[in-house]
Amino acid sequence: MPQMIGAMKLWTWKKENLPSVWHAVRTAIAATLSVLLARLAGMPEAYWAVIATLVVMQSPLSSTVPLAVQRIVASAVGASLGIIESTCFGANLVAFAVTIFVLGLISIAFRLERVGYSYAGMTLVIIVLIPRPEAPWIAAAHRFAEVSLGILVALAVVAVWREEQRLFANSAGE
């Protein structure tokens, strides 16, 4: 039995996509910088900036910038539709389903990939399904600002500190 378990592969992976110690350090620095900047800017839910940073930091280097731009556009689209749906229909599941569908059509028109569509959908869900005391446009503006800050922090860290670069000159340990 132990031989059978050892021979089983529960998931597949590519070596180039596995995190390294330096990737973990870089991601931790980016996440910390993101939450610090969001708090300094007085953003009410700074954790959204950190979540966005973590998502972008996990993208392959070759697609980081295009995916980041797509996520910012998607966040704007999701926030905009979230404002419209919340303002016009409130807590209406039929309107929610129609809005998610319309979001898909807009994603097709804007040539957003599925990553963008899902990001737009997540933004819409956060605005529409989480009850808040403030007006929908305020929640949408906060989400867009927080997520955009997180994406921009990740891009800055990736631009300044490439994956293959080391923080210290002696990198024989990895």
C-alpha atoms as a PDB file:
ATOM      1  CA  MET A   1       0.000   0.000   0.000  1.00  0.00           C
ATOM      2  CA  PRO A   2       2.706   2.626   0.825  1.00  0.00           C
ATOM      3  CA  GLN A   3       4.359   1.918  -2.545  1.00  0.00           C
ATOM      4  CA  MET A   4       1.073   2.582  -4.309  1.00  0.00           C
ATOM      5  CA  ILE A   5       0.584   5.878  -2.466  1.00  0.00           C
ATOM      6  CA  GLY A   6       4.155   6.915  -3.239  1.00  0.00           C
ATOM      7  CA  ALA A   7       3.639   6.144  -6.927  1.00  0.00           C
ATOM      8  CA  MET A   8       0.400   8.123  -7.159  1.00  0.00           C
ATOM      9  CA  LYS A   9       0.622  11.711  -8.256  1.00  0.00           C
ATOM     10  CA  LEU A  10      -2.272  13.657  -6.808  1.00  0.00           C
ATOM     11  CA  TRP A  11      -1.693  16.667  -9.049  1.00  0.00           C
ATOM     12  CA  THR A  12       0.584  17.677 -11.850  1.00  0.00           C
ATOM     13  CA  TRP A  13       3.062  20.505 -11.953  1.00  0.00           C
ATOM     14  CA  LYS A  14       5.745  22.058 -14.069  1.00  0.00           C
ATOM     15  CA  LYS A  15       9.075  22.651 -12.375  1.00  0.00           C
ATOM     16  CA  GLU A  16       9.245  26.247 -13.678  1.00  0.00           C
ATOM     17  CA  ASN A  17       5.924  27.033 -11.969  1.00  0.00           C
ATOM     18  CA  LEU A  18       6.937  25.828  -8.521  1.00  0.00           C
ATOM     19  CA  PRO A  19       7.728  28.626  -6.062  1.00  0.00           C
ATOM     20  CA  SER A  20      11.259  29.076  -4.812  1.00  0.00           C
ATOM     21  CA  VAL A  21      12.471  30.502  -1.529  1.00  0.00           C
ATOM     22  CA  TRP A  22      13.232  33.768  -3.335  1.00  0.00           C
ATOM     23  CA  HIS A  23       9.769  33.859  -4.861  1.00  0.00           C
ATOM     24  CA  ALA A  24       8.312  33.458  -1.377  1.00  0.00           C
ATOM     25  CA  VAL A  25      10.512  36.292  -0.056  1.00  0.00           C
ATOM     26  CA  ARG A  26       9.589  38.532  -2.989  1.00  0.00           C
ATOM     27  CA  THR A  27       5.880  37.749  -2.578  1.00  0.00           C
ATOM     28  CA  ALA A  28       6.002  38.420   1.175  1.00  0.00           C
ATOM     29  CA  ILE A  29       7.687  41.784   0.581  1.00  0.00           C
ATOM     30  CA  ALA A  30       5.142  42.717  -2.108  1.00  0.00           C
ATOM     31  CA  ALA A  31       2.183  41.697   0.075  1.00  0.00           C
ATOM     32  CA  THR A  32       3.518  43.645   3.048  1.00  0.00           C
ATOM     33  CA  LEU A  33       4.225  46.710   0.917  1.00  0.00           C
ATOM     34  CA  SER A  34       0.719  46.461  -0.516  1.00  0.00           C
ATOM     35  CA  VAL A  35      -1.018  46.404   2.871  1.00  0.00           C
ATOM     36  CA  LEU A  36       1.190  49.224   4.174  1.00  0.00           C
ATOM     37  CA  LEU A  37       0.419  51.473   1.205  1.00  0.00           C
ATOM     38  CA  ALA A  38      -3.294  50.677   1.350  1.00  0.00           C
ATOM     39  CA  ARG A  39      -3.396  51.513   5.055  1.00  0.00           C
ATOM     40  CA  LEU A  40      -1.390  54.694   4.525  1.00  0.00           C
ATOM     41  CA  ALA A  41      -3.864  55.717   1.826  1.00  0.00           C
ATOM     42  CA  GLY A  42      -6.717  55.086   4.275  1.00  0.00           C
ATOM     43  CA  MET A  43      -8.342  52.380   2.195  1.00  0.00           C
ATOM     44  CA  PRO A  44     -11.145  50.802   4.254  1.00  0.00           C
ATOM     45  CA  GLU A  45     -10.479  47.172   3.292  1.00  0.00           C
ATOM     46  CA  ALA A  46      -6.734  47.034   2.668  1.00  0.00           C
ATOM     47  CA  TYR A  47      -6.790  43.237   2.441  1.00  0.00           C
ATOM     48  CA  TRP A  48      -8.206  43.490  -1.117  1.00  0.00           C
ATOM     49  CA  ALA A  49      -4.960  45.172  -2.181  1.00  0.00           C
ATOM     50  CA  VAL A  50      -2.990  42.301  -0.661  1.00  0.00           C
ATOM     51  CA  ILE A  51      -5.182  39.670  -2.314  1.00  0.00           C
ATOM     52  CA  ALA A  52      -4.670  41.347  -5.698  1.00  0.00           C
ATOM     53  CA  THR A  53      -0.911  41.506  -5.090  1.00  0.00           C
ATOM     54  CA  LEU A  54      -0.794  37.802  -4.238  1.00  0.00           C
ATOM     55  CA  VAL A  55      -2.770  36.880  -7.353  1.00  0.00           C
ATOM     56  CA  VAL A  56      -0.538  38.911  -9.678  1.00  0.00           C
ATOM     57  CA  MET A  57       2.688  37.701  -8.034  1.00  0.00           C
ATOM     58  CA  GLN A  58       1.769  34.126  -8.949  1.00  0.00           C
ATOM     59  CA  SER A  59       1.444  34.854 -12.671  1.00  0.00           C
ATOM     60  CA  PRO A  60       4.256  33.615 -14.912  1.00  0.00           C
ATOM     61  CA  LEU A  61       6.720  36.435 -15.599  1.00  0.00           C
ATOM     62  CA  SER A  62       6.005  36.433 -19.333  1.00  0.00           C
ATOM     63  CA  SER A  63       2.325  37.208 -18.766  1.00  0.00           C
ATOM     64  CA  THR A  64       2.451  39.372 -15.624  1.00  0.00           C
ATOM     65  CA  VAL A  65       1.999  42.764 -17.335  1.00  0.00           C
ATOM     66  CA  PRO A  66      -0.703  41.774 -19.847  1.00  0.00           C
ATOM     67  CA  LEU A  67      -2.667  39.922 -17.155  1.00  0.00           C
ATOM     68  CA  ALA A  68      -2.281  42.834 -14.729  1.00  0.00           C
ATOM     69  CA  VAL A  69      -3.643  45.307 -17.268  1.00  0.00           C
ATOM     70  CA  GLN A  70      -6.496  42.926 -18.013  1.00  0.00           C
ATOM     71  CA  ARG A  71      -7.267  42.596 -14.293  1.00  0.00           C
ATOM     72  CA  ILE A  72      -7.403  46.381 -13.839  1.00  0.00           C
ATOM     73  CA  VAL A  73      -9.783  46.737 -16.802  1.00  0.00           C
ATOM     74  CA  ALA A  74     -11.829  43.803 -15.522  1.00  0.00           C
ATOM     75  CA  SER A  75     -12.060  45.345 -12.057  1.00  0.00           C
ATOM     76  CA  ALA A  76     -13.349  48.583 -13.578  1.00  0.00           C
ATOM     77  CA  VAL A  77     -15.949  46.705 -15.645  1.00  0.00           C
ATOM     78  CA  GLY A  78     -17.069  44.576 -12.682  1.00  0.00           C
ATOM     79  CA  ALA A  79     -17.254  47.609 -10.402  1.00  0.00           C
ATOM     80  CA  SER A  80     -19.264  49.571 -12.973  1.00  0.00           C
ATOM     81  CA  LEU A  81     -21.793  46.787 -13.465  1.00  0.00           C
ATOM     82  CA  GLY A  82     -21.901  46.280  -9.691  1.00  0.00           C
ATOM     83  CA  ILE A  83     -22.905  49.917  -9.228  1.00  0.00           C
ATOM     84  CA  ILE A  84     -25.640  49.634 -11.845  1.00  0.00           C
ATOM     85  CA  GLU A  85     -27.036  46.374 -10.514  1.00  0.00           C
ATOM     86  CA  SER A  86     -26.952  47.400  -6.843  1.00  0.00           C
ATOM     87  CA  THR A  87     -28.488  50.795  -7.528  1.00  0.00           C
ATOM     88  CA  CYS A  88     -31.231  49.596  -9.871  1.00  0.00           C
ATOM     89  CA  PHE A  89     -32.119  46.153  -8.534  1.00  0.00           C
ATOM     90  CA  GLY A  90     -30.745  45.736  -5.009  1.00  0.00           C
ATOM     91  CA  ALA A  91     -30.679  42.152  -3.734  1.00  0.00           C
ATOM     92  CA  ASN A  92     -32.346  40.461  -6.706  1.00  0.00           C
ATOM     93  CA  LEU A  93     -30.926  37.075  -7.748  1.00  0.00           C
ATOM     94  CA  VAL A  94     -32.459  37.203 -11.227  1.00  0.00           C
ATOM     95  CA  ALA A  95     -30.813  40.574 -11.825  1.00  0.00           C
ATOM     96  CA  PHE A  96     -27.568  39.138 -10.443  1.00  0.00           C
ATOM     97  CA  ALA A  97     -27.670  36.186 -12.862  1.00  0.00           C
ATOM     98  CA  VAL A  98     -28.448  38.477 -15.803  1.00  0.00           C
ATOM     99  CA  THR A  99     -25.622  40.828 -14.794  1.00  0.00           C
ATOM    100  CA  ILE A 100     -23.082  37.984 -14.629  1.00  0.00           C
ATOM    101  CA  PHE A 101     -24.234  36.937 -18.108  1.00  0.00           C
ATOM    102  CA  VAL A 102     -23.968  40.511 -19.420  1.00  0.00           C
ATOM    103  CA  LEU A 103     -20.513  40.685 -17.866  1.00  0.00           C
ATOM    104  CA  GLY A 104     -19.587  37.658 -19.956  1.00  0.00           C
ATOM    105  CA  LEU A 105     -20.818  39.367 -23.104  1.00  0.00           C
ATOM    106  CA  ILE A 106     -18.856  42.513 -22.255  1.00  0.00           C
ATOM    107  CA  SER A 107     -15.779  40.367 -21.631  1.00  0.00           C
ATOM    108  CA  ILE A 108     -16.195  38.869 -25.092  1.00  0.00           C
ATOM    109  CA  ALA A 109     -16.531  42.347 -26.629  1.00  0.00           C
ATOM    110  CA  PHE A 110     -13.470  43.679 -24.756  1.00  0.00           C
ATOM    111  CA  ARG A 111     -11.523  40.502 -25.554  1.00  0.00           C
ATOM    112  CA  LEU A 112     -10.962  39.824 -21.866  1.00  0.00           C
ATOM    113  CA  GLU A 113      -9.723  36.306 -21.300  1.00  0.00           C
ATOM    114  CA  ARG A 114     -11.371  34.050 -18.754  1.00  0.00           C
ATOM    115  CA  VAL A 115      -8.981  35.395 -16.126  1.00  0.00           C
ATOM    116  CA  GLY A 116     -10.352  38.881 -16.765  1.00  0.00           C
ATOM    117  CA  TYR A 117     -13.941  37.677 -16.798  1.00  0.00           C
ATOM    118  CA  SER A 118     -13.482  35.899 -13.464  1.00  0.00           C
ATOM    119  CA  TYR A 119     -11.770  38.964 -11.958  1.00  0.00           C
ATOM    120  CA  ALA A 120     -14.608  41.203 -13.153  1.00  0.00           C
ATOM    121  CA  GLY A 121     -17.092  38.720 -11.731  1.00  0.00           C
ATOM    122  CA  MET A 122     -15.347  38.663  -8.365  1.00  0.00           C
ATOM    123  CA  THR A 123     -15.413  42.457  -8.226  1.00  0.00           C
ATOM    124  CA  LEU A 124     -19.108  42.470  -9.077  1.00  0.00           C
ATOM    125  CA  VAL A 125     -19.843  39.828  -6.425  1.00  0.00           C
ATOM    126  CA  ILE A 126     -17.995  41.805  -3.751  1.00  0.00           C
ATOM    127  CA  ILE A 127     -20.017  44.924  -4.543  1.00  0.00           C
ATOM    128  CA  VAL A 128     -23.425  43.300  -5.033  1.00  0.00           C
ATOM    129  CA  LEU A 129     -23.567  40.417  -2.558  1.00  0.00           C
ATOM    130  CA  ILE A 130     -21.823  41.880   0.501  1.00  0.00           C
ATOM    131  CA  PRO A 131     -24.283  44.106   2.384  1.00  0.00           C
ATOM    132  CA  ARG A 132     -22.754  47.524   3.104  1.00  0.00           C
ATOM    133  CA  PRO A 133     -24.013  50.697   4.709  1.00  0.00           C
ATOM    134  CA  GLU A 134     -22.465  52.960   2.057  1.00  0.00           C
ATOM    135  CA  ALA A 135     -23.774  53.630  -1.440  1.00  0.00           C
ATOM    136  CA  PRO A 136     -22.815  51.063  -4.119  1.00  0.00           C
ATOM    137  CA  TRP A 137     -20.630  53.568  -5.977  1.00  0.00           C
ATOM    138  CA  ILE A 138     -18.539  54.145  -2.832  1.00  0.00           C
ATOM    139  CA  ALA A 139     -17.998  50.407  -2.331  1.00  0.00           C
ATOM    140  CA  ALA A 140     -17.136  50.051  -6.030  1.00  0.00           C
ATOM    141  CA  ALA A 141     -14.662  52.929  -5.924  1.00  0.00           C
ATOM    142  CA  HIS A 142     -12.982  51.445  -2.850  1.00  0.00           C
ATOM    143  CA  ARG A 143     -12.724  47.968  -4.388  1.00  0.00           C
ATOM    144  CA  PHE A 144     -11.339  49.337  -7.634  1.00  0.00           C
ATOM    145  CA  ALA A 145      -8.766  51.482  -5.814  1.00  0.00           C
ATOM    146  CA  GLU A 146      -7.711  48.684  -3.465  1.00  0.00           C
ATOM    147  CA  VAL A 147      -7.402  46.062  -6.194  1.00  0.00           C
ATOM    148  CA  SER A 148      -5.623  48.453  -8.567  1.00  0.00           C
ATOM    149  CA  LEU A 149      -3.132  49.411  -5.852  1.00  0.00           C
ATOM    150  CA  GLY A 150      -2.418  45.735  -5.199  1.00  0.00           C
ATOM    151  CA  ILE A 151      -1.884  45.043  -8.887  1.00  0.00           C
ATOM    152  CA  LEU A 152       0.405  48.068  -9.291  1.00  0.00           C
ATOM    153  CA  VAL A 153       2.478  47.088  -6.246  1.00  0.00           C
ATOM    154  CA  ALA A 154       2.950  43.602  -7.680  1.00  0.00           C
ATOM    155  CA  LEU A 155       3.969  45.054 -11.043  1.00  0.00           C
ATOM    156  CA  ALA A 156       6.472  47.388  -9.368  1.00  0.00           C
ATOM    157  CA  VAL A 157       8.041  44.537  -7.395  1.00  0.00           C
ATOM    158  CA  VAL A 158       8.210  42.339 -10.487  1.00  0.00           C
ATOM    159  CA  ALA A 159       9.792  45.185 -12.498  1.00  0.00           C
ATOM    160  CA  VAL A 160      12.382  46.033  -9.835  1.00  0.00           C
ATOM    161  CA  TRP A 161      13.129  42.507  -8.652  1.00  0.00           C
ATOM    162  CA  ARG A 162      12.967  39.897 -11.385  1.00  0.00           C
ATOM    163  CA  GLU A 163      12.423  36.284 -10.339  1.00  0.00           C
ATOM    164  CA  GLU A 164      15.883  35.225 -11.482  1.00  0.00           C
ATOM    165  CA  GLN A 165      17.587  38.077  -9.586  1.00  0.00           C
ATOM    166  CA  ARG A 166      18.706  37.495  -6.028  1.00  0.00           C
ATOM    167  CA  LEU A 167      18.401  39.941  -3.141  1.00  0.00           C
ATOM    168  CA  PHE A 168      21.936  39.187  -1.989  1.00  0.00           C
ATOM    169  CA  ALA A 169      25.045  38.531  -4.047  1.00  0.00           C
ATOM    170  CA  ASN A 170      25.702  35.090  -2.557  1.00  0.00           C
ATOM    171  CA  SER A 171      22.845  32.860  -3.668  1.00  0.00           C
ATOM    172  CA  ALA A 172      24.576  29.497  -3.434  1.00  0.00           C
ATOM    173  CA  GLY A 173      21.925  28.231  -0.981  1.00  0.00           C
ATOM    174  CA  GLU A 174      19.281  27.853  -3.673  1.00  0.00           C
END
